[in-house]
C-alpha atoms as a PDB file:
ATOM      1  CA  MET A   1      17.038 -16.886  24.186  1.00  0.00           C
ATOM      2  CA  HIS A   2      19.744 -15.327  22.021  1.00  0.00           C
ATOM      3  CA  ASN A   3      17.729 -15.933  18.836  1.00  0.00           C
ATOM      4  CA  GLU A   4      14.641 -14.424  20.475  1.00  0.00           C
ATOM      5  CA  THR A   5      16.613 -11.323  21.473  1.00  0.00           C
ATOM      6  CA  GLU A   6      18.051 -10.933  17.974  1.00  0.00           C
ATOM      7  CA  GLN A   7      14.560 -11.172  16.498  1.00  0.00           C
ATOM      8  CA  ALA A   8      13.308  -8.627  19.021  1.00  0.00           C
ATOM      9  CA  LEU A   9      16.154  -6.296  17.993  1.00  0.00           C
ATOM     10  CA  ARG A  10      15.248  -6.621  14.317  1.00  0.00           C
ATOM     11  CA  ASN A  11      11.591  -5.935  15.105  1.00  0.00           C
ATOM     12  CA  LEU A  12      12.557  -2.941  17.205  1.00  0.00           C
ATOM     13  CA  GLN A  13      14.622  -1.423  14.400  1.00  0.00           C
ATOM     14  CA  LEU A  14      11.722  -1.888  11.981  1.00  0.00           C
ATOM     15  CA  ILE A  15       9.354  -0.191  14.442  1.00  0.00           C
ATOM     16  CA  PHE A  16      11.898   2.602  14.924  1.00  0.00           C
ATOM     17  CA  MET A  17      12.244   3.208  11.187  1.00  0.00           C
ATOM     18  CA  GLY A  18       8.490   3.002  10.673  1.00  0.00           C
ATOM     19  CA  LYS A  19       7.792   5.547  13.404  1.00  0.00           C
ATOM     20  CA  ILE A  20      10.367   7.989  12.039  1.00  0.00           C
ATOM     21  CA  LEU A  21       9.067   7.618   8.471  1.00  0.00           C
ATOM     22  CA  ALA A  22       5.459   8.050   9.604  1.00  0.00           C
ATOM     23  CA  GLY A  23       6.328  11.278  11.422  1.00  0.00           C
ATOM     24  CA  PHE A  24       8.349  12.521   8.462  1.00  0.00           C
ATOM     25  CA  THR A  25       5.605  11.887   5.895  1.00  0.00           C
ATOM     26  CA  HIS A  26       3.046  13.614   8.103  1.00  0.00           C
ATOM     27  CA  GLU A  27       5.256  16.698   8.367  1.00  0.00           C
ATOM     28  CA  MET A  28       5.856  16.748   4.611  1.00  0.00           C
ATOM     29  CA  LYS A  29       2.106  16.545   3.960  1.00  0.00           C
ATOM     30  CA  ASN A  30       1.603  19.562   6.212  1.00  0.00           C
ATOM     31  CA  TYR A  31       4.298  21.566   4.427  1.00  0.00           C
ATOM     32  CA  LEU A  32       2.919  20.682   0.986  1.00  0.00           C
ATOM     33  CA  ALA A  33      -0.646  21.538   2.071  1.00  0.00           C
ATOM     34  CA  ILE A  34       0.498  25.028   3.128  1.00  0.00           C
ATOM     35  CA  ILE A  35       2.366  25.484  -0.158  1.00  0.00           C
ATOM     36  CA  LYS A  36      -0.728  24.409  -2.112  1.00  0.00           C
ATOM     37  CA  GLU A  37      -2.980  26.780  -0.140  1.00  0.00           C
ATOM     38  CA  SER A  38      -0.600  29.703  -0.631  1.00  0.00           C
ATOM     39  CA  SER A  39      -0.280  28.943  -4.339  1.00  0.00           C
ATOM     40  CA  GLY A  40      -4.068  28.798  -4.659  1.00  0.00           C
ATOM     41  CA  LEU A  41      -4.412  32.180  -2.991  1.00  0.00           C
ATOM     42  CA  MET A  42      -1.949  33.745  -5.420  1.00  0.00           C
ATOM     43  CA  GLN A  43      -3.787  32.221  -8.380  1.00  0.00           C
ATOM     44  CA  ASP A  44      -7.058  33.675  -7.107  1.00  0.00           C
ATOM     45  CA  LEU A  45      -5.521  37.140  -6.754  1.00  0.00           C
ATOM     46  CA  ILE A  46      -4.027  36.955 -10.245  1.00  0.00           C
ATOM     47  CA  SER A  47      -7.309  35.748 -11.793  1.00  0.00           C
ATOM     48  CA  MET A  48      -9.112  38.707 -10.211  1.00  0.00           C
ATOM     49  CA  GLY A  49      -6.647  41.075 -11.879  1.00  0.00           C
ATOM     50  CA  LYS A  50      -5.050  42.125  -8.601  1.00  0.00           C
ATOM     51  CA  SER A  51      -1.484  41.829  -9.796  1.00  0.00           C
ATOM     52  CA  SER A  52      -1.376  44.248 -12.707  1.00  0.00           C
ATOM     53  CA  SER A  53       0.937  46.613 -10.850  1.00  0.00           C
ATOM     54  CA  LYS A  54       3.587  46.499  -8.169  1.00  0.00           C
ATOM     55  CA  LYS A  55       1.152  47.948  -5.652  1.00  0.00           C
ATOM     56  CA  ASP A  56      -1.546  45.410  -6.486  1.00  0.00           C
ATOM     57  CA  ALA A  57       0.981  42.575  -6.242  1.00  0.00           C
ATOM     58  CA  GLN A  58       1.766  43.335  -2.585  1.00  0.00           C
ATOM     59  CA  PRO A  59      -0.818  40.803  -1.266  1.00  0.00           C
ATOM     60  CA  LEU A  60       1.192  38.083  -3.011  1.00  0.00           C
ATOM     61  CA  VAL A  61       4.351  38.748  -0.973  1.00  0.00           C
ATOM     62  CA  PRO A  62       3.270  36.997   2.290  1.00  0.00           C
ATOM     63  CA  SER A  63       2.202  33.916   0.354  1.00  0.00           C
ATOM     64  CA  LEU A  64       5.508  33.810  -1.535  1.00  0.00           C
ATOM     65  CA  GLN A  65       7.427  34.179   1.734  1.00  0.00           C
ATOM     66  CA  LEU A  66       5.378  31.376   3.296  1.00  0.00           C
ATOM     67  CA  ILE A  67       6.121  29.115   0.334  1.00  0.00           C
ATOM     68  CA  ASP A  68       9.841  29.838   0.701  1.00  0.00           C
ATOM     69  CA  GLU A  69       9.693  28.989   4.419  1.00  0.00           C
ATOM     70  CA  GLN A  70       7.889  25.694   3.836  1.00  0.00           C
ATOM     71  CA  ILE A  71      10.322  24.700   1.085  1.00  0.00           C
ATOM     72  CA  ASP A  72      13.265  25.457   3.400  1.00  0.00           C
ATOM     73  CA  ARG A  73      11.692  23.343   6.154  1.00  0.00           C
ATOM     74  CA  SER A  74      11.070  20.513   3.706  1.00  0.00           C
ATOM     75  CA  ILE A  75      14.695  20.568   2.513  1.00  0.00           C
ATOM     76  CA  HIS A  76      15.903  20.664   6.140  1.00  0.00           C
ATOM     77  CA  ILE A  77      13.955  17.577   7.195  1.00  0.00           C
ATOM     78  CA  LEU A  78      14.713  15.769   3.912  1.00  0.00           C
ATOM     79  CA  ASN A  79      18.444  16.237   4.528  1.00  0.00           C
ATOM     80  CA  HIS A  80      18.096  14.729   8.002  1.00  0.00           C
ATOM     81  CA  LEU A  81      16.029  11.822   6.683  1.00  0.00           C
ATOM     82  CA  ASN A  82      18.594  11.162   3.950  1.00  0.00           C
ATOM     83  CA  ARG A  83      21.416  10.935   6.497  1.00  0.00           C
ATOM     84  CA  PHE A  84      19.222   8.792   8.753  1.00  0.00           C
ATOM     85  CA  ALA A  85      18.613   6.316   5.916  1.00  0.00           C
ATOM     86  CA  HIS A  86      22.295   6.089   4.954  1.00  0.00           C
ATOM     87  CA  ARG A  87      23.327   5.293   8.537  1.00  0.00           C
ATOM     88  CA  MET A  88      21.659   1.900   8.064  1.00  0.00           C
ATOM     89  CA  ASP A  89      24.314   1.127   5.408  1.00  0.00           C
ATOM     90  CA  ARG A  90      27.221   1.345   7.861  1.00  0.00           C
ATOM     91  CA  PRO A  91      26.913  -0.963  10.908  1.00  0.00           C
ATOM     92  CA  SER A  92      30.287   0.261  12.163  1.00  0.00           C
ATOM     93  CA  SER A  93      31.804   3.626  11.357  1.00  0.00           C
ATOM     94  CA  SER A  94      33.398   6.725  12.789  1.00  0.00           C
ATOM     95  CA  PHE A  95      30.849   9.453  13.509  1.00  0.00           C
ATOM     96  CA  LEU A  96      30.103  12.449  15.716  1.00  0.00           C
ATOM     97  CA  VAL A  97      27.562  11.712  18.443  1.00  0.00           C
ATOM     98  CA  HIS A  98      26.230  15.265  18.150  1.00  0.00           C
ATOM     99  CA  ASP A  99      25.320  14.654  14.511  1.00  0.00           C
ATOM    100  CA  ILE A 100      23.081  11.695  15.257  1.00  0.00           C
ATOM    101  CA  LEU A 101      21.550  13.385  18.323  1.00  0.00           C
ATOM    102  CA  ASP A 102      20.721  16.532  16.324  1.00  0.00           C
ATOM    103  CA  GLU A 103      19.272  14.374  13.571  1.00  0.00           C
ATOM    104  CA  LEU A 104      17.149  12.348  15.982  1.00  0.00           C
ATOM    105  CA  MET A 105      15.808  15.447  17.745  1.00  0.00           C
ATOM    106  CA  VAL A 106      14.663  16.889  14.418  1.00  0.00           C
ATOM    107  CA  LEU A 107      12.987  13.637  13.363  1.00  0.00           C
ATOM    108  CA  MET A 108      11.282  13.232  16.769  1.00  0.00           C
ATOM    109  CA  SER A 109      10.194  16.858  17.140  1.00  0.00           C
ATOM    110  CA  ARG A 110       6.663  16.153  15.898  1.00  0.00           C
ATOM    111  CA  PHE A 111       6.105  13.460  18.544  1.00  0.00           C
ATOM    112  CA  ALA A 112       7.340  15.799  21.281  1.00  0.00           C
ATOM    113  CA  ASN A 113       5.143  18.630  20.003  1.00  0.00           C
ATOM    114  CA  GLN A 114       2.112  16.326  20.064  1.00  0.00           C
ATOM    115  CA  LYS A 115       2.768  15.645  23.758  1.00  0.00           C
ATOM    116  CA  LYS A 116       3.547  19.343  24.393  1.00  0.00           C
ATOM    117  CA  ILE A 117       6.966  18.327  25.723  1.00  0.00           C
ATOM    118  CA  ILE A 118      10.136  20.302  24.965  1.00  0.00           C
ATOM    119  CA  LEU A 119      13.189  18.550  23.539  1.00  0.00           C
ATOM    120  CA  GLU A 120      16.404  20.490  24.087  1.00  0.00           C
ATOM    121  CA  LYS A 121      20.138  19.890  23.978  1.00  0.00           C
ATOM    122  CA  ASP A 122      23.084  20.807  26.164  1.00  0.00           C
ATOM    123  CA  PHE A 123      26.166  19.573  24.314  1.00  0.00           C
ATOM    124  CA  GLN A 124      29.781  19.897  25.356  1.00  0.00           C
ATOM    125  CA  LYS A 125      31.848  21.467  22.591  1.00  0.00           C
ATOM    126  CA  ASN A 126      34.516  19.641  20.614  1.00  0.00           C
ATOM    127  CA  ILE A 127      33.553  16.095  21.527  1.00  0.00           C
ATOM    128  CA  PRO A 128      35.612  13.669  19.400  1.00  0.00           C
ATOM    129  CA  ALA A 129      34.201  11.103  17.002  1.00  0.00           C
ATOM    130  CA  ILE A 130      33.554   7.545  18.141  1.00  0.00           C
ATOM    131  CA  ILE A 131      33.709   4.222  16.292  1.00  0.00           C
ATOM    132  CA  SER A 132      30.439   2.368  16.749  1.00  0.00           C
ATOM    133  CA  ASP A 133      27.083   1.541  15.141  1.00  0.00           C
ATOM    134  CA  PRO A 134      25.268   4.879  14.606  1.00  0.00           C
ATOM    135  CA  ALA A 135      21.940   3.286  13.643  1.00  0.00           C
ATOM    136  CA  ARG A 136      21.759   1.155  16.790  1.00  0.00           C
ATOM    137  CA  LEU A 137      22.772   4.067  18.977  1.00  0.00           C
ATOM    138  CA  GLN A 138      19.999   6.183  17.448  1.00  0.00           C
ATOM    139  CA  CYS A 139      17.539   3.344  17.991  1.00  0.00           C
ATOM    140  CA  LEU A 140      18.539   3.070  21.658  1.00  0.00           C
ATOM    141  CA  ILE A 141      18.194   6.799  22.312  1.00  0.00           C
ATOM    142  CA  TYR A 142      14.904   6.878  20.410  1.00  0.00           C
ATOM    143  CA  CYS A 143      13.526   4.183  22.740  1.00  0.00           C
ATOM    144  CA  LEU A 144      14.649   6.081  25.838  1.00  0.00           C
ATOM    145  CA  ILE A 145      13.148   9.367  24.616  1.00  0.00           C
ATOM    146  CA  GLU A 146       9.931   7.637  23.537  1.00  0.00           C
ATOM    147  CA  GLU A 147       9.538   6.099  26.990  1.00  0.00           C
ATOM    148  CA  LYS A 148       9.872   9.536  28.598  1.00  0.00           C
ATOM    149  CA  LEU A 149       7.438  11.098  26.127  1.00  0.00           C
ATOM    150  CA  ASN A 150       4.872   8.482  27.140  1.00  0.00           C
ATOM    151  CA  ARG A 151       5.380   9.053  30.854  1.00  0.00           C
ATOM    152  CA  LEU A 152       5.798  12.803  31.246  1.00  0.00           C
ATOM    153  CA  ASP A 153       2.994  15.330  31.555  1.00  0.00           C
ATOM    154  CA  ALA A 154       2.472  18.185  29.083  1.00  0.00           C
ATOM    155  CA  GLY A 155       4.795  21.100  29.753  1.00  0.00           C
ATOM    156  CA  SER A 156       7.693  18.841  30.745  1.00  0.00           C
ATOM    157  CA  LYS A 157      11.174  18.994  29.256  1.00  0.00           C
ATOM    158  CA  ILE A 158      13.707  16.399  28.106  1.00  0.00           C
ATOM    159  CA  THR A 159      17.323  17.531  27.816  1.00  0.00           C
ATOM    160  CA  LEU A 160      20.037  15.589  26.013  1.00  0.00           C
ATOM    161  CA  GLN A 161      23.446  16.352  27.514  1.00  0.00           C
ATOM    162  CA  THR A 162      26.859  15.231  26.344  1.00  0.00           C
ATOM    163  CA  SER A 163      30.317  15.262  27.884  1.00  0.00           C
ATOM    164  CA  SER A 164      33.585  13.445  27.316  1.00  0.00           C
ATOM    165  CA  SER A 165      36.624  12.155  29.130  1.00  0.00           C
ATOM    166  CA  LYS A 166      39.888  10.699  27.873  1.00  0.00           C
ATOM    167  CA  ASP A 167      38.379   7.340  26.923  1.00  0.00           C
ATOM    168  CA  HIS A 168      34.614   7.756  26.974  1.00  0.00           C
ATOM    169  CA  ILE A 169      31.661   9.859  25.901  1.00  0.00           C
ATOM    170  CA  LEU A 170      28.644  10.295  28.152  1.00  0.00           C
ATOM    171  CA  ILE A 171      25.120  10.923  26.875  1.00  0.00           C
ATOM    172  CA  ARG A 172      22.657  11.924  29.577  1.00  0.00           C
ATOM    173  CA  LEU A 173      18.897  12.071  29.185  1.00  0.00           C
ATOM    174  CA  VAL A 174      17.522  14.462  31.802  1.00  0.00           C
ATOM    175  CA  PRO A 175      13.714  14.698  32.183  1.00  0.00           C
ATOM    176  CA  LYS A 176      12.110  17.561  34.111  1.00  0.00           C
ATOM    177  CA  GLY A 177       8.401  17.553  34.813  1.00  0.00           C
ATOM    178  CA  THR A 178       5.597  15.508  36.303  1.00  0.00           C
ATOM    179  CA  THR A 179       5.615  11.760  35.712  1.00  0.00           C
ATOM    180  CA  LEU A 180       2.112  10.606  34.800  1.00  0.00           C
ATOM    181  CA  ASN A 181       2.632   6.917  35.458  1.00  0.00           C
ATOM    182  CA  LYS A 182       5.377   4.523  36.491  1.00  0.00           C
ATOM    183  CA  GLU A 183       4.720   1.829  33.913  1.00  0.00           C
ATOM    184  CA  THR A 184       4.281   2.150  30.161  1.00  0.00           C
ATOM    185  CA  GLU A 185       3.427  -0.475  27.575  1.00  0.00           C
ATOM    186  CA  ASN A 186       2.913   0.950  24.062  1.00  0.00           C
ATOM    187  CA  GLY A 187       5.173  -1.628  22.424  1.00  0.00           C
ATOM    188  CA  LEU A 188       8.354  -0.360  24.068  1.00  0.00           C
ATOM    189  CA  PRO A 189      11.262  -2.831  24.102  1.00  0.00           C
ATOM    190  CA  SER A 190      12.086  -4.965  27.109  1.00  0.00           C
ATOM    191  CA  HIS A 191      14.982  -4.282  29.449  1.00  0.00           C
ATOM    192  CA  GLU A 192      16.800  -7.302  27.958  1.00  0.00           C
ATOM    193  CA  VAL A 193      16.607  -5.892  24.433  1.00  0.00           C
ATOM    194  CA  LEU A 194      17.971  -2.511  25.493  1.00  0.00           C
ATOM    195  CA  GLN A 195      20.793  -4.237  27.367  1.00  0.00           C
ATOM    196  CA  GLU A 196      21.596  -6.234  24.219  1.00  0.00           C
ATOM    197  CA  ILE A 197      21.864  -3.002  22.220  1.00  0.00           C
ATOM    198  CA  ILE A 198      24.188  -1.364  24.725  1.00  0.00           C
ATOM    199  CA  ARG A 199      26.366  -4.513  24.788  1.00  0.00           C
ATOM    200  CA  ASP A 200      26.589  -4.400  20.997  1.00  0.00           C
ATOM    201  CA  LEU A 201      27.781  -0.800  21.345  1.00  0.00           C
ATOM    202  CA  HIS A 202      30.407  -1.881  23.935  1.00  0.00           C
ATOM    203  CA  GLY A 203      28.917   0.636  26.338  1.00  0.00           C
ATOM    204  CA  GLU A 204      27.066   0.894  29.631  1.00  0.00           C
ATOM    205  CA  ILE A 205      23.707   2.328  30.633  1.00  0.00           C
ATOM    206  CA  ALA A 206      22.597   3.513  34.071  1.00  0.00           C
ATOM    207  CA  HIS A 207      19.092   4.458  35.223  1.00  0.00           C
ATOM    208  CA  GLU A 208      19.176   6.949  38.096  1.00  0.00           C
ATOM    209  CA  LYS A 209      16.574   7.337  40.851  1.00  0.00           C
ATOM    210  CA  ASN A 210      15.729  10.843  39.617  1.00  0.00           C
ATOM    211  CA  GLU A 211      14.660   9.361  36.231  1.00  0.00           C
ATOM    212  CA  GLU A 212      17.897  10.458  34.534  1.00  0.00           C
ATOM    213  CA  ILE A 213      19.610   7.993  32.202  1.00  0.00           C
ATOM    214  CA  THR A 214      23.325   7.917  31.410  1.00  0.00           C
ATOM    215  CA  ILE A 215      24.888   6.129  28.450  1.00  0.00           C
ATOM    216  CA  LYS A 216      28.645   5.595  28.543  1.00  0.00           C
ATOM    217  CA  LEU A 217      30.354   4.843  25.228  1.00  0.00           C
ATOM    218  CA  PRO A 218      34.021   4.150  24.457  1.00  0.00           C
ATOM    219  CA  LEU A 219      35.752   6.417  21.962  1.00  0.00           C
ATOM    220  CA  SER A 220      36.978   3.275  20.208  1.00  0.00           C
ATOM    221  CA  GLN A 221      35.938  -0.366  20.216  1.00  0.00           C
ATOM    222  CA  GLU A 222      39.507  -1.563  19.918  1.00  0.00           C
END
């Protein structure tokens, strides 16, 4: 059973990475398509002789601004993807929980937008770093968010909350909205696999009756 669970964990991490990369590449294609369209418009205006003076060049300004915006968005998501990829290199390290939650929310924003569900955060300030496996923690939270995205109706909201005590950090996933169905398939991991992840993180997970989920993590694994 242990070997089966380990294999399921490996498969889950591959699915997790594949889903994130698929969403990222789709977003980048959208940004590049807008840049290409804006560039084409400017070329058309120039070829028609509409940019011979400052006044005639005014129609180019919105397209240039749009290109700048799309480049900024591309750099923003590329930075998050770069950090996401490097987390796989360090199975145990000291990191800020807020960093990986922010990163995950950016990388999952497209999936939430597709479902017309809002992802928001409510983080306690000055939460200390923890020593754990950042990639596995991201994978766990991804699975929990994905399950809610599949079950909640459009117009719902999912809030990630954090708080800390002397020895622990709490991450709460708080859904608000109408639940479409009680059971979801869609390749989501089994309860046993999620429990294996939380054991690897030396933490605890609790599912509340109101659909809220609380993850409790130690500040240190020592």
